[in-house]
């Protein structure tokens, strides 16, 4: 009587005669087995299929089998055939129990020992090892027969095809065909559809009535808070914080629009299997395709290099980067910063900060030395007297400022009063007319600019420093104007004031003073 309790008994039935009779150890009933391949075999008992075999796994419901030899059947303990799914190493990781080499078909499997596989070389030498003896019955393992009826596909091709399908995914027939190397993508797609999809001979699997995922009923809410969004999804116009990041997604570690964003377009439409080896241009086409892939890889490396620079130097936040560079405008100057920034590609973030801070400190020392030189030019030799000098200098500047404000009032300036009286001698002298006429005739004179320590101050001569202070020009701007005017003067063999005003877009009065100064010092000359 067959036991009602089901258990899994695993074994292999490679190279069995078709049909064969396997005698049951307990019940004494005969089990008829017909081999149809290495991946699937059907077993009949009393006209019903009770056993299903997938791959080298045989599932027998509640039965113990007896071993067999090539001619006679010898009863044996079913433990020699039984094993668990965790003990089965699989066809790719099996190795010879004697020499340890990876098994290649055909190879030998002992029918009496549990999971003992022997390579052809060791089997020919009669290799033995506990508990295997060389007089045990054996099975020859090979997969060079067709698995399905009316099919040209061998069993080993079916195994490789299913492995490639599992690795590459359904529909990726081009990569699957490249792994098989014996079939093209049309044959792979047609074989899968006709054999594994539209084949009525394959056994059907009953669907489980229980869902794979346990569904928990959710309570019904009459309202939902407006300020909750799960998960938060940002768009290009969703917030200032997202815009400040330049489209960077921290969770993915990339940008919405990558550098060289259309690099993949070069290989997206490329077909690799349109030419055969017999074609004349096959090698040329392959060389061109390899060159395109090398170009694409180079573009990916350039994109990765730029992202690595951004990550190492923290250049995601635009405002932070700009404010960081503005910190060095008074010491390193903007022009030098633009030239030094290229070294960010060759240095780490910490090393580059050390470099910038070193240049910044050098600029601060230069400004400090210039202020000391200015104090020395004014006759100061002690540090304690410098504080008194700075205090008196500030008091003097405040007094001059108050005096200029006082003199700017037309009611206290006798020159403005005299000019107003001469212009309006025929009109009655009232306060409104007096104020209107005097204010329109007076022009405020700007005080000199303190340029000590500003960028480019150390490259000026004493005369140039005085001129920049009076004209209220920054030393760095004056040096740029000087270079432009001297270059144009040499190019055109002379320079006129009208030409200088077209080259320098500043106040015309300042342009006239700079032009006259350079003409007086001999840096430029008038055309002959």
Protein backbone atom coordinates (compact mmCIF):
# COMPACT_ATOMS: atom_id res chain seq x y z
CA UNK A 1 0.00 0.00 0.00
CA UNK A 2 1.49 3.34 -0.93
CA UNK A 3 1.99 5.65 2.03
CA UNK A 4 -0.29 8.70 1.97
CA UNK A 5 2.37 10.99 3.44
CA UNK A 6 4.49 12.67 0.76
CA UNK A 7 8.22 13.16 1.00
CA UNK A 8 10.84 14.29 -1.52
CA UNK A 9 13.26 11.62 -2.67
CA UNK A 10 15.92 12.98 -5.01
CA UNK A 11 18.05 11.00 -7.45
CA UNK A 12 19.23 10.96 -11.07
CA UNK A 13 18.07 8.63 -13.82
CA UNK A 14 20.59 9.43 -16.55
CA UNK A 15 21.08 6.89 -19.36
CA UNK A 16 18.26 4.54 -18.27
CA UNK A 17 16.94 2.03 -20.80
CA UNK A 18 13.55 3.01 -22.12
CA UNK A 19 11.29 1.71 -20.63
CA UNK A 20 12.69 0.28 -17.37
CA UNK A 21 11.04 -1.26 -14.33
CA UNK A 22 12.06 -0.10 -10.87
CA UNK A 23 10.94 -2.42 -8.09
CA UNK A 24 9.63 -0.79 -4.92
CA UNK A 25 11.46 -1.87 -1.77
CA UNK A 26 8.36 -2.04 0.45
CA UNK A 27 5.20 -2.34 -1.57
CA UNK A 28 6.56 -4.66 -4.23
CA UNK A 29 4.72 -2.80 -6.96
CA UNK A 30 6.34 -1.98 -10.25
CA UNK A 31 6.97 1.58 -11.37
CA UNK A 32 7.30 2.17 -15.10
CA UNK A 33 9.72 4.98 -16.05
CA UNK A 34 10.20 6.39 -19.53
CA UNK A 35 13.18 8.71 -20.07
CA UNK A 36 12.47 11.72 -22.25
CA UNK A 37 15.59 13.71 -21.47
CA UNK A 38 17.87 15.07 -18.82
CA UNK A 39 15.48 17.78 -17.68
CA UNK A 40 12.17 15.90 -17.58
CA UNK A 41 11.00 12.28 -17.19
CA UNK A 42 7.56 10.79 -16.60
CA UNK A 43 6.80 7.80 -14.39
CA UNK A 44 3.65 5.75 -14.65
CA UNK A 45 2.16 3.45 -12.04
CA UNK A 46 -1.28 1.98 -12.49
CA UNK A 47 -1.81 4.34 -15.42
CA UNK A 48 -1.22 7.52 -13.42
CA UNK A 49 1.75 9.88 -13.35
CA UNK A 50 2.98 9.92 -9.76
CA UNK A 51 6.56 11.13 -10.22
CA UNK A 52 7.88 14.29 -11.87
CA UNK A 53 11.57 14.86 -12.64
CA UNK A 54 13.03 18.33 -13.30
CA UNK A 55 16.70 18.53 -14.19
CA UNK A 56 18.55 15.97 -12.08
CA UNK A 57 15.94 16.18 -9.30
CA UNK A 58 13.45 13.30 -8.99
CA UNK A 59 10.41 13.93 -6.77
CA UNK A 60 8.76 10.68 -5.61
CA UNK A 61 5.70 10.81 -3.32
CA UNK A 62 6.28 8.63 -0.27
CA UNK A 63 8.27 5.85 -1.98
CA UNK A 64 11.58 4.10 -1.43
CA UNK A 65 13.38 2.86 -4.54
CA UNK A 66 15.70 -0.07 -5.07
CA UNK A 67 18.97 0.26 -6.91
CA UNK A 68 19.59 -1.31 -10.24
CA UNK A 69 22.46 -2.57 -12.41
CA UNK A 70 22.76 -2.90 -16.13
CA UNK A 71 21.11 -6.35 -16.18
CA UNK A 72 19.74 -7.27 -12.76
CA UNK A 73 17.93 -5.34 -10.04
CA UNK A 74 19.53 -5.52 -6.58
CA UNK A 75 17.48 -4.18 -3.63
CA UNK A 76 19.27 -1.47 -1.71
CA UNK A 77 18.52 0.93 1.13
CA UNK A 78 16.73 3.99 -0.19
CA UNK A 79 19.15 6.22 1.73
CA UNK A 80 21.59 5.76 -1.13
CA UNK A 81 19.14 7.63 -3.36
CA UNK A 82 17.70 10.15 -0.93
CA UNK A 83 19.17 13.56 -0.34
CA UNK A 84 17.91 17.07 0.27
CA UNK A 85 17.84 20.13 -1.90
CA UNK A 86 20.66 21.71 0.15
CA UNK A 87 22.94 18.69 -0.48
CA UNK A 88 22.52 18.81 -4.25
CA UNK A 89 25.42 20.82 -5.63
CA UNK A 90 24.07 21.16 -9.18
CA UNK A 91 25.55 20.40 -12.56
CA UNK A 92 27.86 23.44 -12.79
CA UNK A 93 29.58 23.06 -9.41
CA UNK A 94 30.02 19.24 -9.46
CA UNK A 95 33.56 17.92 -9.34
CA UNK A 96 35.31 14.57 -9.35
CA UNK A 97 35.41 13.03 -5.87
CA UNK A 98 38.92 11.65 -6.53
CA UNK A 99 40.94 14.36 -8.36
CA UNK A 100 38.65 17.34 -7.68
CA UNK A 101 38.54 18.50 -11.31
CA UNK A 102 35.43 20.09 -12.78
CA UNK A 103 33.31 17.43 -14.45
CA UNK A 104 32.64 17.61 -18.16
CA UNK A 105 30.17 15.38 -19.92
CA UNK A 106 30.30 12.51 -20.32
CA UNK A 107 31.21 11.47 -16.75
CA UNK A 108 30.33 8.60 -14.41
CA UNK A 109 28.03 8.56 -11.40
CA UNK A 110 27.96 5.72 -8.90
CA UNK A 111 24.51 4.14 -8.59
CA UNK A 112 25.16 2.79 -5.09
CA UNK A 113 26.94 5.70 -3.36
CA UNK A 114 25.36 9.02 -2.52
CA UNK A 115 26.49 11.87 -4.79
CA UNK A 116 29.71 10.24 -6.04
CA UNK A 117 30.72 11.62 -9.44
CA UNK A 118 33.83 10.38 -11.25
CA UNK A 119 35.58 11.81 -14.28
CA UNK A 120 36.41 9.56 -17.23
CA UNK A 121 40.14 9.52 -16.43
CA UNK A 122 39.72 8.40 -12.81
CA UNK A 123 37.04 5.86 -13.81
CA UNK A 124 39.40 4.29 -16.37
CA UNK A 125 42.05 3.91 -13.65
CA UNK A 126 39.58 2.22 -11.30
CA UNK A 127 39.72 4.96 -8.67
CA UNK A 128 38.28 4.10 -5.25
CA UNK A 129 37.56 5.99 -2.06
CA UNK A 130 35.42 5.49 0.99
CA UNK A 131 32.66 4.37 0.61
CA UNK A 132 32.94 3.94 -3.19
CA UNK A 133 34.40 0.79 -4.75
CA UNK A 134 35.29 0.26 -8.38
CA UNK A 135 32.93 -2.74 -8.66
CA UNK A 136 29.83 -0.65 -7.93
CA UNK A 137 27.18 -0.21 -10.55
CA UNK A 138 27.40 3.08 -12.42
CA UNK A 139 25.54 5.46 -14.67
CA UNK A 140 26.98 7.32 -17.65
CA UNK A 141 25.94 10.98 -17.56
CA UNK A 142 25.58 12.74 -20.89
CA UNK A 143 23.18 15.24 -22.39
CA UNK A 144 23.73 14.90 -26.12
CA UNK A 145 20.21 13.67 -26.94
CA UNK A 146 17.15 15.71 -27.91
CA UNK A 147 14.94 16.52 -24.96
CA UNK A 148 11.69 17.12 -26.81
CA UNK A 149 10.18 15.21 -29.68
CA UNK A 150 10.77 16.57 -33.18
CA UNK A 151 13.37 19.01 -31.85
CA UNK A 152 16.92 19.64 -33.05
CA UNK A 153 17.97 21.10 -29.72
CA UNK A 154 20.13 18.85 -27.55
CA UNK A 155 19.66 18.57 -23.80
CA UNK A 156 22.86 20.50 -23.03
CA UNK A 157 21.66 23.30 -25.30
CA UNK A 158 18.39 23.40 -23.36
CA UNK A 159 20.33 23.74 -20.10
CA UNK A 160 22.51 26.54 -21.42
CA UNK A 161 19.48 28.22 -22.98
CA UNK A 162 17.54 28.26 -19.70
CA UNK A 163 20.59 29.52 -17.79
CA UNK A 164 21.10 32.33 -20.30
CA UNK A 165 17.37 33.16 -20.19
CA UNK A 166 17.53 33.40 -16.40
CA UNK A 167 20.61 35.66 -16.56
CA UNK A 168 19.70 37.94 -19.47
CA UNK A 169 15.94 38.09 -19.01
CA UNK A 170 12.98 37.37 -21.25
CA UNK A 171 13.06 39.16 -24.59
CA UNK A 172 16.82 39.75 -24.65
CA UNK A 173 17.29 37.18 -27.39
CA UNK A 174 20.41 38.80 -28.84
CA UNK A 175 22.46 38.36 -25.65
CA UNK A 176 21.00 34.87 -25.11
CA UNK A 177 22.10 33.84 -28.61
CA UNK A 178 25.59 35.25 -28.02
CA UNK A 179 25.95 33.09 -24.90
CA UNK A 180 24.76 29.96 -26.72
CA UNK A 181 27.03 30.62 -29.75
CA UNK A 182 25.18 27.90 -31.73
CA UNK A 183 21.81 29.58 -32.28
CA UNK A 184 20.72 33.00 -33.49
CA UNK A 185 18.17 35.20 -31.75
CA UNK A 186 15.30 34.23 -34.10
CA UNK A 187 15.83 30.54 -33.33
CA UNK A 188 15.96 31.22 -29.58
CA UNK A 189 12.71 33.20 -29.62
CA UNK A 190 10.91 30.65 -31.79
CA UNK A 191 12.13 27.69 -29.70
CA UNK A 192 11.04 29.28 -26.42
CA UNK A 193 7.57 30.08 -27.75
CA UNK A 194 6.94 26.68 -29.35
CA UNK A 195 8.50 24.52 -26.62
CA UNK A 196 7.90 26.27 -23.32
CA UNK A 197 4.85 28.46 -24.01
CA UNK A 198 2.66 26.77 -26.64
CA UNK A 199 3.58 23.15 -25.83
CA UNK A 200 0.51 21.28 -24.48
CA UNK A 201 2.61 18.25 -23.44
CA UNK A 202 4.27 20.10 -20.56
CA UNK A 203 2.57 19.48 -17.19
CA UNK A 204 0.54 22.38 -15.88
CA UNK A 205 1.13 23.71 -12.38
CA UNK A 206 -1.82 24.37 -10.14
CA UNK A 207 -2.10 27.97 -8.98
CA UNK A 208 -2.01 28.69 -5.29
CA UNK A 209 -5.22 30.01 -3.79
CA UNK A 210 -3.38 32.06 -1.18
CA UNK A 211 -1.82 35.34 -2.31
CA UNK A 212 1.95 35.67 -2.19
CA UNK A 213 1.70 38.96 -0.30
CA UNK A 214 -0.52 39.28 2.71
CA UNK A 215 -2.91 42.15 2.17
CA UNK A 216 -3.78 44.23 5.21
CA UNK A 217 -6.98 46.27 4.98
CA UNK A 218 -6.40 50.00 5.28
CA UNK A 219 -8.79 52.18 7.28
CA UNK A 220 -10.76 54.75 5.37
CA UNK A 221 -9.84 58.38 6.00
CA UNK A 222 -12.32 61.09 5.18
CA UNK A 223 -9.59 63.67 4.68
CA UNK A 224 -5.85 63.85 4.13
CA UNK A 225 -3.55 66.62 5.33
CA UNK A 226 -2.55 68.87 2.48
CA UNK A 227 1.03 69.36 3.64
CA UNK A 228 1.88 65.62 3.51
CA UNK A 229 3.33 64.09 0.35
CA UNK A 230 4.61 60.53 0.47
CA UNK A 231 7.14 60.11 -1.00
CA UNK A 232 8.36 63.64 -1.78
CA UNK A 233 8.74 64.11 -5.50
CA UNK A 234 10.57 67.13 -6.83
CA UNK A 235 10.31 68.78 -10.19
CA UNK A 236 12.39 71.45 -11.87
CA UNK A 237 10.16 74.20 -10.45
CA UNK A 238 9.16 72.60 -7.15
CA UNK A 239 11.51 74.42 -4.81
CA UNK A 240 14.52 76.67 -4.51
CA UNK A 241 16.49 74.04 -2.60
CA UNK A 242 16.15 71.55 -5.46
CA UNK A 243 17.13 74.18 -8.02
CA UNK A 244 20.18 75.17 -5.98
CA UNK A 245 21.47 71.58 -6.22
CA UNK A 246 21.71 71.78 -10.01
CA UNK A 247 19.36 68.82 -10.56
CA UNK A 248 21.42 66.51 -8.33
CA UNK A 249 19.60 63.49 -6.83
CA UNK A 250 21.36 62.41 -3.66
CA UNK A 251 19.55 59.06 -3.46
CA UNK A 252 20.80 57.98 -6.90
CA UNK A 253 24.07 59.90 -6.85
CA UNK A 254 23.61 61.42 -10.31
CA UNK A 255 22.08 64.40 -12.09
CA UNK A 256 18.85 64.76 -14.03
CA UNK A 257 20.87 66.02 -16.99
CA UNK A 258 24.29 64.40 -17.05
CA UNK A 259 27.39 65.77 -18.70
CA UNK A 260 27.36 64.72 -22.36
CA UNK A 261 23.79 63.57 -21.83
CA UNK A 262 23.37 62.11 -25.33
CA UNK A 263 26.44 59.87 -25.26
CA UNK A 264 24.26 56.73 -25.30
CA UNK A 265 22.68 57.76 -28.60
CA UNK A 266 25.80 56.57 -30.45
CA UNK A 267 25.20 52.92 -29.50
CA UNK A 268 21.46 52.79 -28.85
CA UNK A 269 20.59 51.86 -32.45
CA UNK A 270 23.62 49.66 -33.10
CA UNK A 271 22.95 46.08 -34.27
CA UNK A 272 25.71 43.56 -33.73
CA UNK A 273 24.36 40.46 -35.51
CA UNK A 274 23.49 41.84 -38.94
CA UNK A 275 26.75 40.63 -40.53
CA UNK A 276 28.12 37.11 -40.68
CA UNK A 277 31.73 36.00 -40.61
CA UNK A 278 31.59 35.05 -44.28
CA UNK A 279 30.88 38.62 -45.40
CA UNK A 280 33.72 40.63 -46.90
CA UNK A 281 33.12 43.69 -44.74
CA UNK A 282 32.58 41.77 -41.51
CA UNK A 283 36.00 42.58 -40.02
CA UNK A 284 35.75 46.22 -41.06
CA UNK A 285 32.29 46.57 -39.50
CA UNK A 286 33.50 44.89 -36.32
CA UNK A 287 36.45 47.27 -36.12
CA UNK A 288 34.14 50.26 -36.56
CA UNK A 289 31.82 48.95 -33.85
CA UNK A 290 34.74 48.44 -31.48
CA UNK A 291 35.90 52.01 -32.17
CA UNK A 292 32.41 53.34 -31.41
CA UNK A 293 32.30 51.41 -28.14
CA UNK A 294 35.75 52.70 -27.19
CA UNK A 295 34.58 56.25 -27.88
CA UNK A 296 31.48 55.66 -25.75
CA UNK A 297 33.58 54.26 -22.90
CA UNK A 298 35.86 57.30 -23.08
CA UNK A 299 32.86 59.61 -22.82
CA UNK A 300 31.61 57.67 -19.80
CA UNK A 301 35.04 57.98 -18.17
CA UNK A 302 34.99 61.74 -18.77
CA UNK A 303 31.52 61.96 -17.23
CA UNK A 304 32.62 59.93 -14.21
CA UNK A 305 35.74 62.07 -13.81
CA UNK A 306 33.70 65.27 -13.73
CA UNK A 307 31.26 63.83 -11.20
CA UNK A 308 34.19 62.73 -9.05
CA UNK A 309 35.63 66.28 -9.12
CA UNK A 310 32.24 67.70 -8.13
CA UNK A 311 31.96 65.19 -5.29
CA UNK A 312 35.52 65.67 -4.00
CA UNK A 313 35.37 69.48 -3.99
CA UNK A 314 31.75 69.89 -2.91
CA UNK A 315 30.64 71.86 -5.96
CA UNK A 316 26.96 70.86 -5.78
CA UNK A 317 25.71 74.08 -4.17
CA UNK A 318 26.18 76.97 -6.60
CA UNK A 319 25.74 79.74 -4.05
CA UNK A 320 28.22 78.18 -1.67
CA UNK A 321 30.79 77.82 -4.44
CA UNK A 322 30.40 81.44 -5.57
CA UNK A 323 30.57 82.80 -2.02
CA UNK A 324 33.64 80.66 -1.40
CA UNK A 325 35.39 82.24 -4.41
CA UNK A 326 34.33 85.77 -3.46
CA UNK A 327 36.22 85.36 -0.21
CA UNK A 328 39.53 85.51 -2.11
CA UNK A 329 38.78 88.48 -4.40
CA UNK A 330 40.66 90.99 -2.23
CA UNK A 331 43.73 88.81 -1.65
CA UNK A 332 44.18 86.38 -4.56
CA UNK A 333 42.10 88.45 -7.05
CA UNK A 334 39.52 87.02 -9.43
CA UNK A 335 41.88 86.64 -12.39
CA UNK A 336 44.31 84.51 -10.39
CA UNK A 337 41.42 82.43 -8.99
CA UNK A 338 40.19 81.65 -12.49
CA UNK A 339 43.65 80.37 -13.43
CA UNK A 340 44.13 78.34 -10.24
CA UNK A 341 40.73 76.60 -10.45
CA UNK A 342 42.02 74.32 -13.20
CA UNK A 343 44.21 72.55 -10.63
CA UNK A 344 41.07 71.18 -8.96
CA UNK A 345 41.23 68.31 -11.47
CA UNK A 346 44.66 67.26 -10.20
CA UNK A 347 44.19 67.67 -6.44
CA UNK A 348 41.82 66.43 -3.80
CA UNK A 349 39.38 68.78 -2.12
CA UNK A 350 41.42 69.11 1.07
CA UNK A 351 44.71 69.72 -0.77
CA UNK A 352 43.11 72.38 -2.97
CA UNK A 353 41.71 74.16 0.09
CA UNK A 354 45.21 74.15 1.59
CA UNK A 355 46.52 75.74 -1.62
CA UNK A 356 43.83 78.45 -1.69
CA UNK A 357 44.23 79.23 2.00
CA UNK A 358 47.99 79.49 1.53
CA UNK A 359 47.57 81.97 -1.32
CA UNK A 360 44.97 83.85 0.73
CA UNK A 361 47.33 84.10 3.69
CA UNK A 362 50.12 85.28 1.37
CA UNK A 363 47.80 88.02 0.07
CA UNK A 364 46.94 89.09 3.61
CA UNK A 365 50.66 89.29 4.47
CA UNK A 366 51.26 91.37 1.34
CA UNK A 367 48.52 93.81 2.34
CA UNK A 368 49.93 93.99 5.87
CA UNK A 369 53.41 94.76 4.51
CA UNK A 370 52.00 97.50 2.28
CA UNK A 371 50.30 99.15 5.25
CA UNK A 372 53.56 98.96 7.21
CA UNK A 373 55.36 100.59 4.30
CA UNK A 374 52.76 103.37 4.25
CA UNK A 375 53.30 103.93 7.97
CA UNK A 376 57.05 104.01 7.47
CA UNK A 377 56.71 106.57 4.67
CA UNK A 378 54.83 108.79 7.13
CA UNK A 379 57.75 108.61 9.59
CA UNK A 380 56.40 105.99 12.03
CA UNK A 381 58.89 103.47 13.45
CA UNK A 382 57.10 102.11 16.58
CA UNK A 383 53.95 100.02 16.79
CA UNK A 384 52.55 101.95 19.77
CA UNK A 385 52.65 105.17 17.71
CA UNK A 386 50.81 103.50 14.83
CA UNK A 387 47.61 103.29 16.85
CA UNK A 388 47.78 107.02 17.60
CA UNK A 389 48.44 107.72 13.92
CA UNK A 390 45.42 105.65 12.84
CA UNK A 391 43.22 107.48 15.38
CA UNK A 392 44.37 110.91 14.24
CA UNK A 393 43.96 109.88 10.60
CA UNK A 394 40.35 108.82 11.20
CA UNK A 395 39.64 112.09 13.05
CA UNK A 396 41.12 114.07 10.18
CA UNK A 397 39.05 112.20 7.61
CA UNK A 398 35.90 112.83 9.65
CA UNK A 399 36.73 116.54 9.89
CA UNK A 400 37.32 116.74 6.17
CA UNK A 401 34.04 114.99 5.54
CA UNK A 402 32.17 117.43 7.79
CA UNK A 403 33.93 120.35 6.10
CA UNK A 404 32.94 119.10 2.66
CA UNK A 405 29.35 118.72 3.82
CA UNK A 406 29.50 122.26 5.24
CA UNK A 407 30.96 123.69 2.05
CA UNK A 408 28.42 121.83 -0.05
CA UNK A 409 25.68 123.93 1.53
CA UNK A 410 25.24 126.95 -0.84
CA UNK A 411 24.11 129.20 2.00
CA UNK A 412 27.66 129.21 3.39
CA UNK A 413 29.67 129.27 0.15
CA UNK A 414 30.46 132.86 -0.97
CA UNK A 415 31.46 131.74 -4.46
CA UNK A 416 28.08 130.13 -5.07
CA UNK A 417 26.32 133.21 -3.69
CA UNK A 418 28.32 135.51 -5.99
CA UNK A 419 27.60 133.40 -9.09
CA UNK A 420 23.91 133.24 -8.22
CA UNK A 421 23.70 137.00 -7.76
CA UNK A 422 25.40 137.65 -11.09
CA UNK A 423 23.04 135.29 -12.92
CA UNK A 424 19.86 136.45 -11.22
CA UNK A 425 20.58 140.15 -10.62
CA UNK A 426 17.30 141.15 -12.26
CA UNK A 427 15.17 138.71 -10.26
CA UNK A 428 13.99 139.14 -6.69
CA UNK A 429 16.19 137.33 -4.24
CA UNK A 430 14.03 134.86 -2.40
CA UNK A 431 14.98 131.66 -0.61
CA UNK A 432 13.52 129.21 -3.13
CA UNK A 433 15.15 130.81 -6.14
CA UNK A 434 18.38 131.28 -4.26
CA UNK A 435 18.45 127.62 -3.23
CA UNK A 436 17.55 126.32 -6.67
CA UNK A 437 20.17 128.37 -8.47
CA UNK A 438 22.96 127.72 -6.01
CA UNK A 439 22.39 123.97 -5.84
CA UNK A 440 22.42 123.65 -9.61
CA UNK A 441 25.69 125.52 -9.92
CA UNK A 442 27.65 123.64 -7.26
CA UNK A 443 29.23 120.22 -7.88
CA UNK A 444 30.50 118.05 -5.03
CA UNK A 445 34.09 116.89 -5.18
CA UNK A 446 34.59 113.24 -4.19
CA UNK A 447 37.27 112.56 -1.57
CA UNK A 448 40.37 110.50 -2.45
CA UNK A 449 39.98 106.74 -2.31
CA UNK A 450 41.98 104.68 0.18
CA UNK A 451 43.56 102.04 -2.06
CA UNK A 452 46.22 100.74 0.31
CA UNK A 453 46.11 96.94 0.37
CA UNK A 454 43.73 96.56 -2.57
CA UNK A 455 44.57 93.97 -5.26
CA UNK A 456 47.28 95.30 -7.59
CA UNK A 457 48.41 98.08 -5.24
CA UNK A 458 51.92 96.66 -4.94
CA UNK A 459 52.38 96.82 -8.75
CA UNK A 460 51.78 100.58 -8.95
CA UNK A 461 54.37 103.32 -8.92
CA UNK A 462 53.99 106.16 -6.37
CA UNK A 463 52.64 108.46 -9.10
CA UNK A 464 50.13 105.84 -10.20
CA UNK A 465 49.01 105.28 -6.60
CA UNK A 466 48.35 108.99 -6.16
CA UNK A 467 46.49 109.21 -9.45
CA UNK A 468 44.28 106.16 -8.65
CA UNK A 469 43.48 107.60 -5.23
CA UNK A 470 42.47 110.99 -6.66
CA UNK A 471 40.54 109.60 -9.62
CA UNK A 472 39.01 106.87 -7.34
CA UNK A 473 40.09 103.97 -9.48
CA UNK A 474 40.77 100.47 -8.16
CA UNK A 475 44.41 99.50 -8.91
CA UNK A 476 43.44 96.30 -10.69
CA UNK A 477 41.04 98.17 -13.01
CA UNK A 478 43.66 100.83 -13.71
CA UNK A 479 46.17 98.15 -14.71
CA UNK A 480 43.63 96.64 -17.13
CA UNK A 481 42.92 100.06 -18.68
CA UNK A 482 46.63 100.75 -18.94
CA UNK A 483 47.25 97.47 -20.77
CA UNK A 484 44.37 98.12 -23.21
CA UNK A 485 45.49 101.66 -24.07
CA UNK A 486 49.19 100.82 -24.45
CA UNK A 487 48.37 97.82 -26.66
CA UNK A 488 46.13 99.88 -28.96
CA UNK A 489 48.73 102.65 -29.09
CA UNK A 490 51.41 100.24 -30.31
CA UNK A 491 49.03 98.63 -32.80
CA UNK A 492 47.88 101.88 -34.46
CA UNK A 493 51.12 103.85 -33.94
CA UNK A 494 49.46 106.36 -31.67
CA UNK A 495 46.21 106.92 -29.81
CA UNK A 496 43.66 109.73 -29.58
CA UNK A 497 41.33 110.59 -26.71
CA UNK A 498 38.27 109.71 -28.79
CA UNK A 499 39.68 106.25 -29.43
CA UNK A 500 40.43 105.80 -25.72
CA UNK A 501 36.83 106.64 -24.81
CA UNK A 502 35.55 103.91 -27.14
CA UNK A 503 37.91 101.37 -25.58
CA UNK A 504 37.23 102.19 -21.91
CA UNK A 505 33.57 102.26 -20.92
CA UNK A 506 33.80 104.41 -17.77
CA UNK A 507 33.13 108.04 -16.88
CA UNK A 508 34.49 110.31 -19.60
CA UNK A 509 36.14 112.57 -17.01
CA UNK A 510 38.03 109.60 -15.52
CA UNK A 511 38.97 108.47 -19.01
CA UNK A 512 40.40 111.93 -19.73
CA UNK A 513 42.46 111.93 -16.52
CA UNK A 514 43.82 108.41 -17.15
CA UNK A 515 44.63 109.31 -20.77
CA UNK A 516 46.44 112.52 -19.76
CA UNK A 517 48.38 110.70 -17.04
CA UNK A 518 49.56 107.92 -19.37
CA UNK A 519 50.44 110.52 -22.02
CA UNK A 520 52.43 112.53 -19.47
CA UNK A 521 54.27 109.46 -18.17
CA UNK A 522 55.18 108.32 -21.69
CA UNK A 523 53.19 105.07 -21.78
CA UNK A 524 51.19 106.24 -24.82
CA UNK A 525 51.68 108.93 -27.48
CA UNK A 526 49.60 110.82 -29.99
CA UNK A 527 49.60 109.76 -33.65
CA UNK A 528 52.03 111.66 -35.84
